[in-house]
Amino acid sequence: MAKFNQSLVKLQFKFVELNNEYMNLNIVLSDRFIPVSPAQFQTIEFYINFPTEIVLDVSGKNMNSDTVLDDQGNIIKDKHIELTKVIIDNIAVPSLYLKKWPELNGNNNSYFGFNGQFKLKFLEKNSFTFLLKTLQ
């Protein structure tokens, strides 16, 4: 018997290297830890039970040497990870919602350009109510 609050989640990441090195990413769930191997594009899938929180633990960036600037201080190249897609029960989370959803210290962004723990909060009781919220 299927659980109404259980859903298959697929997270797609884009890793951008600098000097042939990538940042590190680990997915931390309430009951397990998933290390993510860096590749240009990487998709990870797993089941969650609503409500829950997914922690994206990002590390491996040297803030002094892993960003290249031009003479005016504009970023030319930056070692980072992007959360490019979230799919829940075969339904994609809208890209506009995705850009404002991951949270680090009260800031929301799907571009992870520094070390820290980003949080994806699923506060609803099931995927249906969560996905409905993303359309608002």
C-alpha atoms as a PDB file:
ATOM      1  CA  MET A   1       0.000   0.000   0.000  1.00  0.00           C
ATOM      2  CA  ALA A   2       1.408   3.373  -1.033  1.00  0.00           C
ATOM      3  CA  LYS A   3       1.852   6.129   1.509  1.00  0.00           C
ATOM      4  CA  PHE A   4       0.062   9.338   0.548  1.00  0.00           C
ATOM      5  CA  ASN A   5       2.812  11.437   2.122  1.00  0.00           C
ATOM      6  CA  GLN A   6       5.695   9.615   0.357  1.00  0.00           C
ATOM      7  CA  SER A   7       7.066  10.981  -2.922  1.00  0.00           C
ATOM      8  CA  LEU A   8       9.879  10.377  -5.370  1.00  0.00           C
ATOM      9  CA  VAL A   9      12.130  13.445  -5.627  1.00  0.00           C
ATOM     10  CA  LYS A  10      14.634  14.045  -8.421  1.00  0.00           C
ATOM     11  CA  LEU A  11      17.155  16.847  -8.038  1.00  0.00           C
ATOM     12  CA  GLN A  12      19.243  17.947 -11.024  1.00  0.00           C
ATOM     13  CA  PHE A  13      22.456  19.871 -10.453  1.00  0.00           C
ATOM     14  CA  LYS A  14      24.899  21.630 -12.746  1.00  0.00           C
ATOM     15  CA  PHE A  15      28.488  21.662 -11.467  1.00  0.00           C
ATOM     16  CA  VAL A  16      30.794  24.385 -12.835  1.00  0.00           C
ATOM     17  CA  GLU A  17      34.495  23.783 -12.270  1.00  0.00           C
ATOM     18  CA  LEU A  18      37.415  26.121 -11.971  1.00  0.00           C
ATOM     19  CA  ASN A  19      40.998  24.900 -12.432  1.00  0.00           C
ATOM     20  CA  ASN A  20      39.681  21.351 -12.967  1.00  0.00           C
ATOM     21  CA  GLU A  21      38.114  21.275  -9.480  1.00  0.00           C
ATOM     22  CA  TYR A  22      34.455  21.080  -8.488  1.00  0.00           C
ATOM     23  CA  MET A  23      32.669  22.013  -5.297  1.00  0.00           C
ATOM     24  CA  ASN A  24      31.438  19.189  -3.038  1.00  0.00           C
ATOM     25  CA  LEU A  25      27.785  18.389  -2.483  1.00  0.00           C
ATOM     26  CA  ASN A  26      26.136  16.088   0.041  1.00  0.00           C
ATOM     27  CA  ILE A  27      22.397  15.647   0.455  1.00  0.00           C
ATOM     28  CA  VAL A  28      21.363  15.227   4.072  1.00  0.00           C
ATOM     29  CA  LEU A  29      17.951  13.732   4.833  1.00  0.00           C
ATOM     30  CA  SER A  30      16.446  12.904   8.202  1.00  0.00           C
ATOM     31  CA  ASP A  31      17.324   9.220   7.802  1.00  0.00           C
ATOM     32  CA  ARG A  32      20.283   9.147   5.383  1.00  0.00           C
ATOM     33  CA  PHE A  33      23.240  10.916   3.811  1.00  0.00           C
ATOM     34  CA  ILE A  34      23.756  10.947   0.013  1.00  0.00           C
ATOM     35  CA  PRO A  35      27.136  12.044  -1.374  1.00  0.00           C
ATOM     36  CA  VAL A  36      26.828  13.506  -4.889  1.00  0.00           C
ATOM     37  CA  SER A  37      29.651  12.872  -7.348  1.00  0.00           C
ATOM     38  CA  PRO A  38      30.508  16.030  -9.253  1.00  0.00           C
ATOM     39  CA  ALA A  39      29.818  15.933 -12.973  1.00  0.00           C
ATOM     40  CA  GLN A  40      28.743  18.698 -15.319  1.00  0.00           C
ATOM     41  CA  PHE A  41      25.128  17.560 -14.874  1.00  0.00           C
ATOM     42  CA  GLN A  42      24.059  15.167 -12.152  1.00  0.00           C
ATOM     43  CA  THR A  43      20.583  13.883 -11.273  1.00  0.00           C
ATOM     44  CA  ILE A  44      19.924  12.270  -7.903  1.00  0.00           C
ATOM     45  CA  GLU A  45      16.649  10.601  -6.961  1.00  0.00           C
ATOM     46  CA  PHE A  46      15.289   9.378  -3.651  1.00  0.00           C
ATOM     47  CA  TYR A  47      12.060   9.091  -1.692  1.00  0.00           C
ATOM     48  CA  ILE A  48      10.954  11.517   1.001  1.00  0.00           C
ATOM     49  CA  ASN A  49       8.089  11.542   3.461  1.00  0.00           C
ATOM     50  CA  PHE A  50       6.226  14.839   3.792  1.00  0.00           C
ATOM     51  CA  PRO A  51       6.709  17.026   5.779  1.00  0.00           C
ATOM     52  CA  THR A  52      10.511  17.103   5.731  1.00  0.00           C
ATOM     53  CA  GLU A  53      13.568  19.174   5.019  1.00  0.00           C
ATOM     54  CA  ILE A  54      16.390  18.379   2.595  1.00  0.00           C
ATOM     55  CA  VAL A  55      19.769  19.887   3.431  1.00  0.00           C
ATOM     56  CA  LEU A  56      22.220  20.508   0.591  1.00  0.00           C
ATOM     57  CA  ASP A  57      25.652  20.661   2.213  1.00  0.00           C
ATOM     58  CA  VAL A  58      27.940  22.564  -0.168  1.00  0.00           C
ATOM     59  CA  SER A  59      31.696  22.863   0.424  1.00  0.00           C
ATOM     60  CA  GLY A  60      35.041  23.027  -1.335  1.00  0.00           C
ATOM     61  CA  LYS A  61      35.087  26.660  -2.428  1.00  0.00           C
ATOM     62  CA  ASN A  62      38.052  28.849  -1.647  1.00  0.00           C
ATOM     63  CA  MET A  63      36.597  32.357  -1.558  1.00  0.00           C
ATOM     64  CA  ASN A  64      40.017  33.869  -2.395  1.00  0.00           C
ATOM     65  CA  SER A  65      40.876  31.816  -5.488  1.00  0.00           C
ATOM     66  CA  ASP A  66      37.734  30.164  -6.902  1.00  0.00           C
ATOM     67  CA  THR A  67      36.244  33.283  -8.487  1.00  0.00           C
ATOM     68  CA  VAL A  68      37.914  35.056 -11.424  1.00  0.00           C
ATOM     69  CA  LEU A  69      37.276  38.795 -11.812  1.00  0.00           C
ATOM     70  CA  ASP A  70      38.082  41.231 -14.615  1.00  0.00           C
ATOM     71  CA  ASP A  71      39.767  44.623 -14.091  1.00  0.00           C
ATOM     72  CA  GLN A  72      36.424  46.241 -13.172  1.00  0.00           C
ATOM     73  CA  GLY A  73      35.599  43.583 -10.555  1.00  0.00           C
ATOM     74  CA  ASN A  74      33.010  41.736 -12.659  1.00  0.00           C
ATOM     75  CA  ILE A  75      32.851  37.962 -12.276  1.00  0.00           C
ATOM     76  CA  ILE A  76      34.233  36.182 -15.354  1.00  0.00           C
ATOM     77  CA  LYS A  77      34.230  32.621 -13.996  1.00  0.00           C
ATOM     78  CA  ASP A  78      33.023  31.187 -10.713  1.00  0.00           C
ATOM     79  CA  LYS A  79      33.237  27.689  -9.266  1.00  0.00           C
ATOM     80  CA  HIS A  80      29.667  26.867  -8.205  1.00  0.00           C
ATOM     81  CA  ILE A  81      26.749  24.443  -8.224  1.00  0.00           C
ATOM     82  CA  GLU A  82      23.295  25.225  -9.579  1.00  0.00           C
ATOM     83  CA  LEU A  83      20.090  23.421  -8.671  1.00  0.00           C
ATOM     84  CA  THR A  84      18.580  23.333 -12.162  1.00  0.00           C
ATOM     85  CA  LYS A  85      15.524  21.153 -11.729  1.00  0.00           C
ATOM     86  CA  VAL A  86      13.357  19.560  -9.040  1.00  0.00           C
ATOM     87  CA  ILE A  87      10.845  16.899 -10.009  1.00  0.00           C
ATOM     88  CA  ILE A  88       8.375  15.488  -7.509  1.00  0.00           C
ATOM     89  CA  ASP A  89       6.342  12.446  -8.506  1.00  0.00           C
ATOM     90  CA  ASN A  90       7.165  13.175 -12.186  1.00  0.00           C
ATOM     91  CA  ILE A  91       5.977  16.806 -11.949  1.00  0.00           C
ATOM     92  CA  ALA A  92       8.574  19.566 -12.337  1.00  0.00           C
ATOM     93  CA  VAL A  93       8.631  22.370  -9.797  1.00  0.00           C
ATOM     94  CA  PRO A  94       8.190  25.647 -11.769  1.00  0.00           C
ATOM     95  CA  SER A  95      11.530  27.323 -12.499  1.00  0.00           C
ATOM     96  CA  LEU A  96      10.420  30.665 -11.031  1.00  0.00           C
ATOM     97  CA  TYR A  97       9.653  28.974  -7.711  1.00  0.00           C
ATOM     98  CA  LEU A  98      12.915  27.048  -7.865  1.00  0.00           C
ATOM     99  CA  LYS A  99      14.972  30.258  -8.020  1.00  0.00           C
ATOM    100  CA  LYS A 100      13.549  31.518  -4.717  1.00  0.00           C
ATOM    101  CA  TRP A 101      13.200  28.278  -2.781  1.00  0.00           C
ATOM    102  CA  PRO A 102      16.573  27.008  -1.459  1.00  0.00           C
ATOM    103  CA  GLU A 103      17.382  28.874   1.741  1.00  0.00           C
ATOM    104  CA  LEU A 104      20.682  29.774   3.396  1.00  0.00           C
ATOM    105  CA  ASN A 105      20.623  32.176   6.342  1.00  0.00           C
ATOM    106  CA  GLY A 106      17.320  33.645   5.206  1.00  0.00           C
ATOM    107  CA  ASN A 107      18.485  34.203   1.615  1.00  0.00           C
ATOM    108  CA  ASN A 108      16.932  32.257  -1.241  1.00  0.00           C
ATOM    109  CA  ASN A 109      18.757  31.215  -4.389  1.00  0.00           C
ATOM    110  CA  SER A 110      19.367  28.101  -6.510  1.00  0.00           C
ATOM    111  CA  TYR A 111      22.948  29.231  -7.348  1.00  0.00           C
ATOM    112  CA  PHE A 112      25.357  27.854  -4.741  1.00  0.00           C
ATOM    113  CA  GLY A 113      28.520  29.920  -5.088  1.00  0.00           C
ATOM    114  CA  PHE A 114      29.798  29.588  -1.546  1.00  0.00           C
ATOM    115  CA  ASN A 115      30.085  27.018   1.228  1.00  0.00           C
ATOM    116  CA  GLY A 116      27.101  26.387   3.459  1.00  0.00           C
ATOM    117  CA  GLN A 117      23.968  24.369   4.109  1.00  0.00           C
ATOM    118  CA  PHE A 118      21.073  25.206   1.825  1.00  0.00           C
ATOM    119  CA  LYS A 119      17.629  23.962   2.871  1.00  0.00           C
ATOM    120  CA  LEU A 120      14.738  22.740   0.752  1.00  0.00           C
ATOM    121  CA  LYS A 121      11.715  22.788   3.043  1.00  0.00           C
ATOM    122  CA  PHE A 122       8.703  20.598   2.329  1.00  0.00           C
ATOM    123  CA  LEU A 123       6.323  21.805   5.041  1.00  0.00           C
ATOM    124  CA  GLU A 124       3.125  20.513   3.439  1.00  0.00           C
ATOM    125  CA  LYS A 125       1.507  17.147   4.199  1.00  0.00           C
ATOM    126  CA  ASN A 126       1.968  15.710   0.694  1.00  0.00           C
ATOM    127  CA  SER A 127       3.328  16.414  -2.789  1.00  0.00           C
ATOM    128  CA  PHE A 128      -0.038  17.576  -4.125  1.00  0.00           C
ATOM    129  CA  THR A 129      -0.337  20.471  -1.659  1.00  0.00           C
ATOM    130  CA  PHE A 130       3.352  21.319  -2.084  1.00  0.00           C
ATOM    131  CA  LEU A 131       3.127  21.459  -5.890  1.00  0.00           C
ATOM    132  CA  LEU A 132      -0.066  23.513  -5.669  1.00  0.00           C
ATOM    133  CA  LYS A 133       1.794  26.036  -3.489  1.00  0.00           C
ATOM    134  CA  THR A 134       4.551  26.378  -6.121  1.00  0.00           C
ATOM    135  CA  LEU A 135       2.016  27.639  -8.665  1.00  0.00           C
ATOM    136  CA  GLN A 136       0.958  30.610  -6.525  1.00  0.00           C
END
